[in-house]
């Protein structure tokens, strides 16, 4: 057991425990993996299409308000919502 000069927070302790349990698999070629992930991130962030969309004034105001709360430009906020929906990350909440 290694003596530490600092305290791990709960998330760090959980990561350490997961490593000790063998839950992480080492990456064979880290440089290739990093380059691959960088290419994917760059391609994903490349916004090369412009669209126009019509919406109600209420939706527009609400989008601006929510974007402001998230600290994002409203166009980025709306693009993020659309991306999450299309990629299955946005889950519809059913009304009771």
PDB file of N, CA and C in Angstrom:
ATOM      1  N   UNK A   1       0.837  -1.186   0.000  1.00  0.00           N
ATOM      2  CA  UNK A   1       0.000   0.000   0.000  1.00  0.00           C
ATOM      3  C   UNK A   1       0.879   1.246   0.000  1.00  0.00           C
ATOM      4  N   UNK A   2       0.524   2.224  -0.827  1.00  0.00           N
ATOM      5  CA  UNK A   2       1.303   3.443  -0.976  1.00  0.00           C
ATOM      6  C   UNK A   2       0.820   4.497   0.011  1.00  0.00           C
ATOM      7  N   UNK A   3       1.758   5.200   0.633  1.00  0.00           N
ATOM      8  CA  UNK A   3       1.406   6.299   1.532  1.00  0.00           C
ATOM      9  C   UNK A   3       1.246   7.547   0.687  1.00  0.00           C
ATOM     10  N   UNK A   4       0.127   8.250   0.878  1.00  0.00           N
ATOM     11  CA  UNK A   4      -0.176   9.443   0.086  1.00  0.00           C
ATOM     12  C   UNK A   4       0.052  10.708   0.907  1.00  0.00           C
ATOM     13  N   UNK A   5       0.383  11.778   0.223  1.00  0.00           N
ATOM     14  CA  UNK A   5       0.534  13.076   0.864  1.00  0.00           C
ATOM     15  C   UNK A   5      -0.744  13.892   0.745  1.00  0.00           C
ATOM     16  N   UNK A   6      -1.776  13.330   0.120  1.00  0.00           N
ATOM     17  CA  UNK A   6      -3.024  14.051  -0.120  1.00  0.00           C
ATOM     18  C   UNK A   6      -4.198  13.086   0.068  1.00  0.00           C
ATOM     19  N   UNK A   7      -5.375  13.646   0.222  1.00  0.00           N
ATOM     20  CA  UNK A   7      -6.595  12.867   0.392  1.00  0.00           C
ATOM     21  C   UNK A   7      -7.348  12.789  -0.933  1.00  0.00           C
ATOM     22  N   UNK A   8      -7.846  11.610  -1.269  1.00  0.00           N
ATOM     23  CA  UNK A   8      -8.677  11.463  -2.457  1.00  0.00           C
ATOM     24  C   UNK A   8     -10.105  11.842  -2.116  1.00  0.00           C
ATOM     25  N   UNK A   9     -10.785  12.480  -3.076  1.00  0.00           N
ATOM     26  CA  UNK A   9     -12.207  12.757  -2.859  1.00  0.00           C
ATOM     27  C   UNK A   9     -12.988  11.474  -3.166  1.00  0.00           C
ATOM     28  N   UNK A  10     -14.287  11.429  -2.864  1.00  0.00           N
ATOM     29  CA  UNK A  10     -15.061  10.193  -3.065  1.00  0.00           C
ATOM     30  C   UNK A  10     -15.007   9.664  -4.499  1.00  0.00           C
ATOM     31  N   UNK A  11     -15.062  10.564  -5.485  1.00  0.00           N
ATOM     32  CA  UNK A  11     -15.011  10.116  -6.878  1.00  0.00           C
ATOM     33  C   UNK A  11     -13.655   9.489  -7.193  1.00  0.00           C
ATOM     34  N   UNK A  12     -12.595  10.106  -6.705  1.00  0.00           N
ATOM     35  CA  UNK A  12     -11.257   9.552  -6.936  1.00  0.00           C
ATOM     36  C   UNK A  12     -11.079   8.208  -6.243  1.00  0.00           C
ATOM     37  N   UNK A  13     -11.642   8.078  -5.033  1.00  0.00           N
ATOM     38  CA  UNK A  13     -11.567   6.787  -4.329  1.00  0.00           C
ATOM     39  C   UNK A  13     -12.311   5.697  -5.096  1.00  0.00           C
ATOM     40  N   UNK A  14     -13.444   6.041  -5.692  1.00  0.00           N
ATOM     41  CA  UNK A  14     -14.205   5.069  -6.478  1.00  0.00           C
ATOM     42  C   UNK A  14     -13.425   4.650  -7.727  1.00  0.00           C
ATOM     43  N   UNK A  15     -12.779   5.593  -8.373  1.00  0.00           N
ATOM     44  CA  UNK A  15     -11.952   5.268  -9.542  1.00  0.00           C
ATOM     45  C   UNK A  15     -10.810   4.349  -9.129  1.00  0.00           C
ATOM     46  N   UNK A  16     -10.148   4.670  -8.028  1.00  0.00           N
ATOM     47  CA  UNK A  16      -9.054   3.831  -7.547  1.00  0.00           C
ATOM     48  C   UNK A  16      -9.538   2.417  -7.236  1.00  0.00           C
ATOM     49  N   UNK A  17     -10.696   2.308  -6.594  1.00  0.00           N
ATOM     50  CA  UNK A  17     -11.252   0.987  -6.264  1.00  0.00           C
ATOM     51  C   UNK A  17     -11.589   0.212  -7.537  1.00  0.00           C
ATOM     52  N   UNK A  18     -12.139   0.894  -8.536  1.00  0.00           N
ATOM     53  CA  UNK A  18     -12.482   0.240  -9.798  1.00  0.00           C
ATOM     54  C   UNK A  18     -11.223  -0.278 -10.493  1.00  0.00           C
ATOM     55  N   UNK A  19     -10.147   0.485 -10.435  1.00  0.00           N
ATOM     56  CA  UNK A  19      -8.875   0.044 -11.021  1.00  0.00           C
ATOM     57  C   UNK A  19      -8.381  -1.198 -10.291  1.00  0.00           C
ATOM     58  N   UNK A  20      -8.441  -1.166  -8.973  1.00  0.00           N
ATOM     59  CA  UNK A  20      -7.990  -2.310  -8.178  1.00  0.00           C
ATOM     60  C   UNK A  20      -8.845  -3.551  -8.427  1.00  0.00           C
ATOM     61  N   UNK A  21     -10.130  -3.360  -8.755  1.00  0.00           N
ATOM     62  CA  UNK A  21     -11.013  -4.494  -9.066  1.00  0.00           C
ATOM     63  C   UNK A  21     -10.815  -4.996 -10.494  1.00  0.00           C
ATOM     64  N   UNK A  22      -9.981  -4.297 -11.270  1.00  0.00           N
ATOM     65  CA  UNK A  22      -9.716  -4.718 -12.640  1.00  0.00           C
ATOM     66  C   UNK A  22     -10.806  -4.336 -13.621  1.00  0.00           C
ATOM     67  N   UNK A  23     -11.564  -3.289 -13.318  1.00  0.00           N
ATOM     68  CA  UNK A  23     -12.672  -2.878 -14.173  1.00  0.00           C
ATOM     69  C   UNK A  23     -12.237  -2.039 -15.370  1.00  0.00           C
ATOM     70  N   UNK A  24     -11.001  -1.602 -15.385  1.00  0.00           N
ATOM     71  CA  UNK A  24     -10.499  -0.822 -16.503  1.00  0.00           C
ATOM     72  C   UNK A  24      -9.547  -1.686 -17.334  1.00  0.00           C
ATOM     73  N   UNK A  25      -9.639  -1.539 -18.643  1.00  0.00           N
ATOM     74  CA  UNK A  25      -8.792  -2.297 -19.554  1.00  0.00           C
ATOM     75  C   UNK A  25      -7.741  -1.349 -20.109  1.00  0.00           C
ATOM     76  N   UNK A  26      -6.463  -1.710 -20.020  1.00  0.00           N
ATOM     77  CA  UNK A  26      -5.434  -0.810 -20.552  1.00  0.00           C
ATOM     78  C   UNK A  26      -5.548  -0.670 -22.070  1.00  0.00           C
ATOM     79  N   UNK A  27      -5.222   0.520 -22.545  1.00  0.00           N
ATOM     80  CA  UNK A  27      -5.235   0.795 -23.980  1.00  0.00           C
ATOM     81  C   UNK A  27      -3.899   0.335 -24.552  1.00  0.00           C
ATOM     82  N   UNK A  28      -3.964  -0.458 -25.625  1.00  0.00           N
ATOM     83  CA  UNK A  28      -2.749  -1.028 -26.214  1.00  0.00           C
ATOM     84  C   UNK A  28      -1.838   0.044 -26.802  1.00  0.00           C
ATOM     85  N   UNK A  29      -2.369   0.894 -27.664  1.00  0.00           N
ATOM     86  CA  UNK A  29      -1.547   1.915 -28.317  1.00  0.00           C
ATOM     87  C   UNK A  29      -2.165   3.276 -28.015  1.00  0.00           C
ATOM     88  N   UNK A  30      -1.724   3.865 -26.917  1.00  0.00           N
ATOM     89  CA  UNK A  30      -2.327   5.099 -26.417  1.00  0.00           C
ATOM     90  C   UNK A  30      -2.243   6.244 -27.429  1.00  0.00           C
ATOM     91  N   UNK A  31      -1.111   6.391 -28.124  1.00  0.00           N
ATOM     92  CA  UNK A  31      -0.978   7.494 -29.085  1.00  0.00           C
ATOM     93  C   UNK A  31      -2.000   7.381 -30.208  1.00  0.00           C
ATOM     94  N   UNK A  32      -2.185   6.183 -30.752  1.00  0.00           N
ATOM     95  CA  UNK A  32      -3.185   5.981 -31.808  1.00  0.00           C
ATOM     96  C   UNK A  32      -4.592   6.251 -31.282  1.00  0.00           C
ATOM     97  N   UNK A  33      -4.865   5.816 -30.070  1.00  0.00           N
ATOM     98  CA  UNK A  33      -6.187   6.030 -29.466  1.00  0.00           C
ATOM     99  C   UNK A  33      -6.459   7.524 -29.288  1.00  0.00           C
ATOM    100  N   UNK A  34      -5.469   8.249 -28.803  1.00  0.00           N
ATOM    101  CA  UNK A  34      -5.626   9.694 -28.615  1.00  0.00           C
ATOM    102  C   UNK A  34      -5.873  10.384 -29.951  1.00  0.00           C
ATOM    103  N   UNK A  35      -5.084  10.031 -30.970  1.00  0.00           N
ATOM    104  CA  UNK A  35      -5.262  10.639 -32.291  1.00  0.00           C
ATOM    105  C   UNK A  35      -6.639  10.330 -32.861  1.00  0.00           C
ATOM    106  N   UNK A  36      -7.092   9.094 -32.686  1.00  0.00           N
ATOM    107  CA  UNK A  36      -8.415   8.703 -33.174  1.00  0.00           C
ATOM    108  C   UNK A  36      -9.517   9.513 -32.486  1.00  0.00           C
ATOM    109  N   UNK A  37      -9.408   9.663 -31.175  1.00  0.00           N
ATOM    110  CA  UNK A  37     -10.407  10.430 -30.427  1.00  0.00           C
ATOM    111  C   UNK A  37     -10.354  11.912 -30.792  1.00  0.00           C
ATOM    112  N   UNK A  38      -9.156  12.431 -31.044  1.00  0.00           N
ATOM    113  CA  UNK A  38      -9.034  13.830 -31.451  1.00  0.00           C
ATOM    114  C   UNK A  38      -9.690  14.060 -32.809  1.00  0.00           C
ATOM    115  N   UNK A  39      -9.488  13.120 -33.751  1.00  0.00           N
ATOM    116  CA  UNK A  39     -10.131  13.245 -35.065  1.00  0.00           C
ATOM    117  C   UNK A  39     -11.648  13.208 -34.928  1.00  0.00           C
ATOM    118  N   UNK A  40     -12.146  12.298 -34.092  1.00  0.00           N
ATOM    119  CA  UNK A  40     -13.596  12.193 -33.898  1.00  0.00           C
ATOM    120  C   UNK A  40     -14.153  13.467 -33.277  1.00  0.00           C
ATOM    121  N   UNK A  41     -13.451  14.018 -32.292  1.00  0.00           N
ATOM    122  CA  UNK A  41     -13.912  15.255 -31.646  1.00  0.00           C
ATOM    123  C   UNK A  41     -13.913  16.417 -32.631  1.00  0.00           C
ATOM    124  N   UNK A  42     -12.866  16.484 -33.458  1.00  0.00           N
ATOM    125  CA  UNK A  42     -12.780  17.565 -34.438  1.00  0.00           C
ATOM    126  C   UNK A  42     -13.908  17.448 -35.465  1.00  0.00           C
ATOM    127  N   UNK A  43     -14.159  16.238 -35.951  1.00  0.00           N
ATOM    128  CA  UNK A  43     -15.227  16.028 -36.934  1.00  0.00           C
ATOM    129  C   UNK A  43     -16.588  16.342 -36.325  1.00  0.00           C
ATOM    130  N   UNK A  44     -16.761  15.971 -35.060  1.00  0.00           N
ATOM    131  CA  UNK A  44     -18.035  16.224 -34.394  1.00  0.00           C
ATOM    132  C   UNK A  44     -18.260  17.717 -34.185  1.00  0.00           C
ATOM    133  N   UNK A  45     -17.190  18.444 -33.900  1.00  0.00           N
ATOM    134  CA  UNK A  45     -17.309  19.875 -33.645  1.00  0.00           C
ATOM    135  C   UNK A  45     -17.343  20.722 -34.895  1.00  0.00           C
ATOM    136  N   UNK A  46     -17.159  20.101 -36.050  1.00  0.00           N
ATOM    137  CA  UNK A  46     -17.133  20.841 -37.311  1.00  0.00           C
ATOM    138  C   UNK A  46     -18.564  21.128 -37.762  1.00  0.00           C
ATOM    139  N   UNK A  47     -19.014  22.329 -37.498  1.00  0.00           N
ATOM    140  CA  UNK A  47     -20.371  22.722 -37.869  1.00  0.00           C
ATOM    141  C   UNK A  47     -20.327  23.319 -39.263  1.00  0.00           C
ATOM    142  N   UNK A  48     -20.709  22.529 -40.244  1.00  0.00           N
ATOM    143  CA  UNK A  48     -20.564  22.980 -41.621  1.00  0.00           C
ATOM    144  C   UNK A  48     -21.890  23.172 -42.345  1.00  0.00           C
ATOM    145  N   UNK A  49     -23.000  23.091 -41.640  1.00  0.00           N
ATOM    146  CA  UNK A  49     -24.310  23.319 -42.254  1.00  0.00           C
ATOM    147  C   UNK A  49     -25.040  24.421 -41.507  1.00  0.00           C
ATOM    148  N   UNK A  50     -25.651  25.289 -42.262  1.00  0.00           N
ATOM    149  CA  UNK A  50     -26.444  26.378 -41.689  1.00  0.00           C
ATOM    150  C   UNK A  50     -27.901  26.120 -42.038  1.00  0.00           C
ATOM    151  N   UNK A  51     -28.777  26.344 -41.076  1.00  0.00           N
ATOM    152  CA  UNK A  51     -30.208  26.162 -41.334  1.00  0.00           C
ATOM    153  C   UNK A  51     -30.983  27.375 -40.834  1.00  0.00           C
ATOM    154  N   UNK A  52     -32.168  27.532 -41.331  1.00  0.00           N
ATOM    155  CA  UNK A  52     -33.133  28.492 -40.803  1.00  0.00           C
ATOM    156  C   UNK A  52     -34.268  27.693 -40.200  1.00  0.00           C
ATOM    157  N   UNK A  53     -34.796  28.183 -39.117  1.00  0.00           N
ATOM    158  CA  UNK A  53     -35.902  27.482 -38.459  1.00  0.00           C
ATOM    159  C   UNK A  53     -36.907  28.519 -37.977  1.00  0.00           C
ATOM    160  N   UNK A  54     -38.165  28.203 -38.154  1.00  0.00           N
ATOM    161  CA  UNK A  54     -39.220  29.077 -37.642  1.00  0.00           C
ATOM    162  C   UNK A  54     -39.773  28.461 -36.372  1.00  0.00           C
ATOM    163  N   UNK A  55     -39.967  29.317 -35.365  1.00  0.00           N
ATOM    164  CA  UNK A  55     -40.537  28.858 -34.101  1.00  0.00           C
ATOM    165  C   UNK A  55     -41.365  29.983 -33.503  1.00  0.00           C
ATOM    166  N   UNK A  56     -42.158  29.616 -32.536  1.00  0.00           N
ATOM    167  CA  UNK A  56     -42.995  30.631 -31.895  1.00  0.00           C
ATOM    168  C   UNK A  56     -42.124  31.573 -31.074  1.00  0.00           C
ATOM    169  N   UNK A  57     -42.629  32.753 -30.836  1.00  0.00           N
ATOM    170  CA  UNK A  57     -41.909  33.717 -30.010  1.00  0.00           C
ATOM    171  C   UNK A  57     -41.672  33.161 -28.611  1.00  0.00           C
ATOM    172  N   UNK A  58     -42.657  32.420 -28.099  1.00  0.00           N
ATOM    173  CA  UNK A  58     -42.529  31.837 -26.765  1.00  0.00           C
ATOM    174  C   UNK A  58     -41.366  30.845 -26.732  1.00  0.00           C
ATOM    175  N   UNK A  59     -41.296  29.940 -27.726  1.00  0.00           N
ATOM    176  CA  UNK A  59     -40.203  28.967 -27.783  1.00  0.00           C
ATOM    177  C   UNK A  59     -38.853  29.672 -27.907  1.00  0.00           C
ATOM    178  N   UNK A  60     -38.808  30.711 -28.715  1.00  0.00           N
ATOM    179  CA  UNK A  60     -37.574  31.462 -28.920  1.00  0.00           C
ATOM    180  C   UNK A  60     -37.104  32.098 -27.609  1.00  0.00           C
ATOM    181  N   UNK A  61     -38.024  32.752 -26.896  1.00  0.00           N
ATOM    182  CA  UNK A  61     -37.670  33.383 -25.619  1.00  0.00           C
ATOM    183  C   UNK A  61     -37.221  32.344 -24.600  1.00  0.00           C
ATOM    184  N   UNK A  62     -37.936  31.224 -24.514  1.00  0.00           N
ATOM    185  CA  UNK A  62     -37.578  30.177 -23.565  1.00  0.00           C
ATOM    186  C   UNK A  62     -36.211  29.584 -23.897  1.00  0.00           C
ATOM    187  N   UNK A  63     -35.922  29.396 -25.195  1.00  0.00           N
ATOM    188  CA  UNK A  63     -34.618  28.873 -25.601  1.00  0.00           C
ATOM    189  C   UNK A  63     -33.511  29.844 -25.186  1.00  0.00           C
ATOM    190  N   UNK A  64     -33.747  31.132 -25.377  1.00  0.00           N
ATOM    191  CA  UNK A  64     -32.756  32.130 -24.976  1.00  0.00           C
ATOM    192  C   UNK A  64     -32.548  32.117 -23.460  1.00  0.00           C
ATOM    193  N   UNK A  65     -33.645  32.006 -22.704  1.00  0.00           N
ATOM    194  CA  UNK A  65     -33.546  31.972 -21.241  1.00  0.00           C
ATOM    195  C   UNK A  65     -32.766  30.750 -20.768  1.00  0.00           C
ATOM    196  N   UNK A  66     -33.109  29.582 -21.300  1.00  0.00           N
ATOM    197  CA  UNK A  66     -32.433  28.341 -20.904  1.00  0.00           C
ATOM    198  C   UNK A  66     -30.965  28.382 -21.304  1.00  0.00           C
ATOM    199  N   UNK A  67     -30.674  28.895 -22.489  1.00  0.00           N
ATOM    200  CA  UNK A  67     -29.287  28.994 -22.954  1.00  0.00           C
ATOM    201  C   UNK A  67     -28.491  29.907 -22.028  1.00  0.00           C
ATOM    202  N   UNK A  68     -29.092  31.006 -21.623  1.00  0.00           N
ATOM    203  CA  UNK A  68     -28.430  31.934 -20.710  1.00  0.00           C
ATOM    204  C   UNK A  68     -28.113  31.233 -19.389  1.00  0.00           C
ATOM    205  N   UNK A  69     -29.059  30.445 -18.887  1.00  0.00           N
ATOM    206  CA  UNK A  69     -28.838  29.705 -17.644  1.00  0.00           C
ATOM    207  C   UNK A  69     -27.702  28.691 -17.798  1.00  0.00           C
ATOM    208  N   UNK A  70     -27.539  28.134 -19.001  1.00  0.00           N
ATOM    209  CA  UNK A  70     -26.470  27.165 -19.266  1.00  0.00           C
ATOM    210  C   UNK A  70     -25.147  27.849 -19.630  1.00  0.00           C
ATOM    211  N   UNK A  71     -25.200  29.164 -19.850  1.00  0.00           N
ATOM    212  CA  UNK A  71     -23.990  29.889 -20.231  1.00  0.00           C
ATOM    213  C   UNK A  71     -23.580  29.654 -21.670  1.00  0.00           C
ATOM    214  N   UNK A  72     -24.566  29.426 -22.537  1.00  0.00           N
ATOM    215  CA  UNK A  72     -24.305  29.135 -23.947  1.00  0.00           C
ATOM    216  C   UNK A  72     -25.036  30.123 -24.843  1.00  0.00           C
ATOM    217  N   UNK A  73     -24.513  30.369 -26.039  1.00  0.00           N
ATOM    218  CA  UNK A  73     -25.317  31.090 -27.027  1.00  0.00           C
ATOM    219  C   UNK A  73     -26.549  30.241 -27.363  1.00  0.00           C
ATOM    220  N   UNK A  74     -27.676  30.881 -27.643  1.00  0.00           N
ATOM    221  CA  UNK A  74     -28.888  30.095 -27.841  1.00  0.00           C
ATOM    222  C   UNK A  74     -28.794  29.184 -29.060  1.00  0.00           C
ATOM    223  N   UNK A  75     -28.027  29.582 -30.089  1.00  0.00           N
ATOM    224  CA  UNK A  75     -27.883  28.709 -31.260  1.00  0.00           C
ATOM    225  C   UNK A  75     -27.143  27.422 -30.878  1.00  0.00           C
ATOM    226  N   UNK A  76     -26.108  27.544 -30.064  1.00  0.00           N
ATOM    227  CA  UNK A  76     -25.360  26.376 -29.597  1.00  0.00           C
ATOM    228  C   UNK A  76     -26.247  25.506 -28.729  1.00  0.00           C
ATOM    229  N   UNK A  77     -27.037  26.127 -27.868  1.00  0.00           N
ATOM    230  CA  UNK A  77     -27.960  25.407 -26.997  1.00  0.00           C
ATOM    231  C   UNK A  77     -28.968  24.605 -27.825  1.00  0.00           C
ATOM    232  N   UNK A  78     -29.572  25.238 -28.832  1.00  0.00           N
ATOM    233  CA  UNK A  78     -30.547  24.540 -29.673  1.00  0.00           C
ATOM    234  C   UNK A  78     -29.885  23.417 -30.477  1.00  0.00           C
ATOM    235  N   UNK A  79     -28.684  23.662 -30.994  1.00  0.00           N
ATOM    236  CA  UNK A  79     -27.970  22.612 -31.728  1.00  0.00           C
ATOM    237  C   UNK A  79     -27.665  21.431 -30.810  1.00  0.00           C
ATOM    238  N   UNK A  80     -27.335  21.720 -29.558  1.00  0.00           N
ATOM    239  CA  UNK A  80     -27.044  20.664 -28.589  1.00  0.00           C
ATOM    240  C   UNK A  80     -28.287  19.816 -28.307  1.00  0.00           C
ATOM    241  N   UNK A  81     -29.417  20.477 -28.138  1.00  0.00           N
ATOM    242  CA  UNK A  81     -30.674  19.745 -27.900  1.00  0.00           C
ATOM    243  C   UNK A  81     -30.994  18.852 -29.094  1.00  0.00           C
ATOM    244  N   UNK A  82     -30.872  19.398 -30.284  1.00  0.00           N
ATOM    245  CA  UNK A  82     -31.159  18.626 -31.495  1.00  0.00           C
ATOM    246  C   UNK A  82     -30.211  17.431 -31.604  1.00  0.00           C
ATOM    247  N   UNK A  83     -28.923  17.650 -31.353  1.00  0.00           N
ATOM    248  CA  UNK A  83     -27.954  16.557 -31.418  1.00  0.00           C
ATOM    249  C   UNK A  83     -28.285  15.467 -30.391  1.00  0.00           C
ATOM    250  N   UNK A  84     -28.584  15.884 -29.164  1.00  0.00           N
ATOM    251  CA  UNK A  84     -28.909  14.904 -28.120  1.00  0.00           C
ATOM    252  C   UNK A  84     -30.140  14.095 -28.501  1.00  0.00           C
ATOM    253  N   UNK A  85     -31.140  14.741 -29.062  1.00  0.00           N
ATOM    254  CA  UNK A  85     -32.345  14.030 -29.483  1.00  0.00           C
ATOM    255  C   UNK A  85     -32.026  13.021 -30.584  1.00  0.00           C
ATOM    256  N   UNK A  86     -31.307  13.465 -31.591  1.00  0.00           N
ATOM    257  CA  UNK A  86     -31.010  12.598 -32.742  1.00  0.00           C
ATOM    258  C   UNK A  86     -30.091  11.442 -32.382  1.00  0.00           C
ATOM    259  N   UNK A  87     -29.231  11.635 -31.381  1.00  0.00           N
ATOM    260  CA  UNK A  87     -28.306  10.569 -30.986  1.00  0.00           C
ATOM    261  C   UNK A  87     -28.864   9.703 -29.863  1.00  0.00           C
ATOM    262  N   UNK A  88     -30.118   9.957 -29.473  1.00  0.00           N
ATOM    263  CA  UNK A  88     -30.762   9.127 -28.450  1.00  0.00           C
ATOM    264  C   UNK A  88     -30.362   9.459 -27.029  1.00  0.00           C
ATOM    265  N   UNK A  89     -29.712  10.576 -26.825  1.00  0.00           N
ATOM    266  CA  UNK A  89     -29.284  10.964 -25.479  1.00  0.00           C
ATOM    267  C   UNK A  89     -30.329  11.787 -24.741  1.00  0.00           C
ATOM    268  N   UNK A  90     -31.295  12.312 -25.470  1.00  0.00           N
ATOM    269  CA  UNK A  90     -32.343  13.124 -24.867  1.00  0.00           C
ATOM    270  C   UNK A  90     -33.533  12.214 -24.614  1.00  0.00           C
ATOM    271  N   UNK A  91     -33.891  12.051 -23.364  1.00  0.00           N
ATOM    272  CA  UNK A  91     -34.946  11.122 -22.998  1.00  0.00           C
ATOM    273  C   UNK A  91     -36.220  11.900 -22.696  1.00  0.00           C
ATOM    274  N   UNK A  92     -37.299  11.476 -23.321  1.00  0.00           N
ATOM    275  CA  UNK A  92     -38.591  12.131 -23.125  1.00  0.00           C
ATOM    276  C   UNK A  92     -39.123  11.784 -21.744  1.00  0.00           C
ATOM    277  N   UNK A  93     -39.573  12.809 -21.038  1.00  0.00           N
ATOM    278  CA  UNK A  93     -40.153  12.599 -19.719  1.00  0.00           C
ATOM    279  C   UNK A  93     -41.662  12.533 -19.871  1.00  0.00           C
ATOM    280  N   UNK A  94     -42.246  11.437 -19.436  1.00  0.00           N
ATOM    281  CA  UNK A  94     -43.699  11.246 -19.548  1.00  0.00           C
ATOM    282  C   UNK A  94     -44.413  11.983 -18.431  1.00  0.00           C
ATOM    283  N   UNK A  95     -45.477  12.695 -18.767  1.00  0.00           N
ATOM    284  CA  UNK A  95     -46.283  13.387 -17.770  1.00  0.00           C
ATOM    285  C   UNK A  95     -47.142  12.362 -17.037  1.00  0.00           C
ATOM    286  N   UNK A  96     -47.278  12.563 -15.734  1.00  0.00           N
ATOM    287  CA  UNK A  96     -48.099  11.633 -14.930  1.00  0.00           C
ATOM    288  C   UNK A  96     -49.538  12.039 -14.931  1.00  0.00           C
TER     289      UNK A  96
END
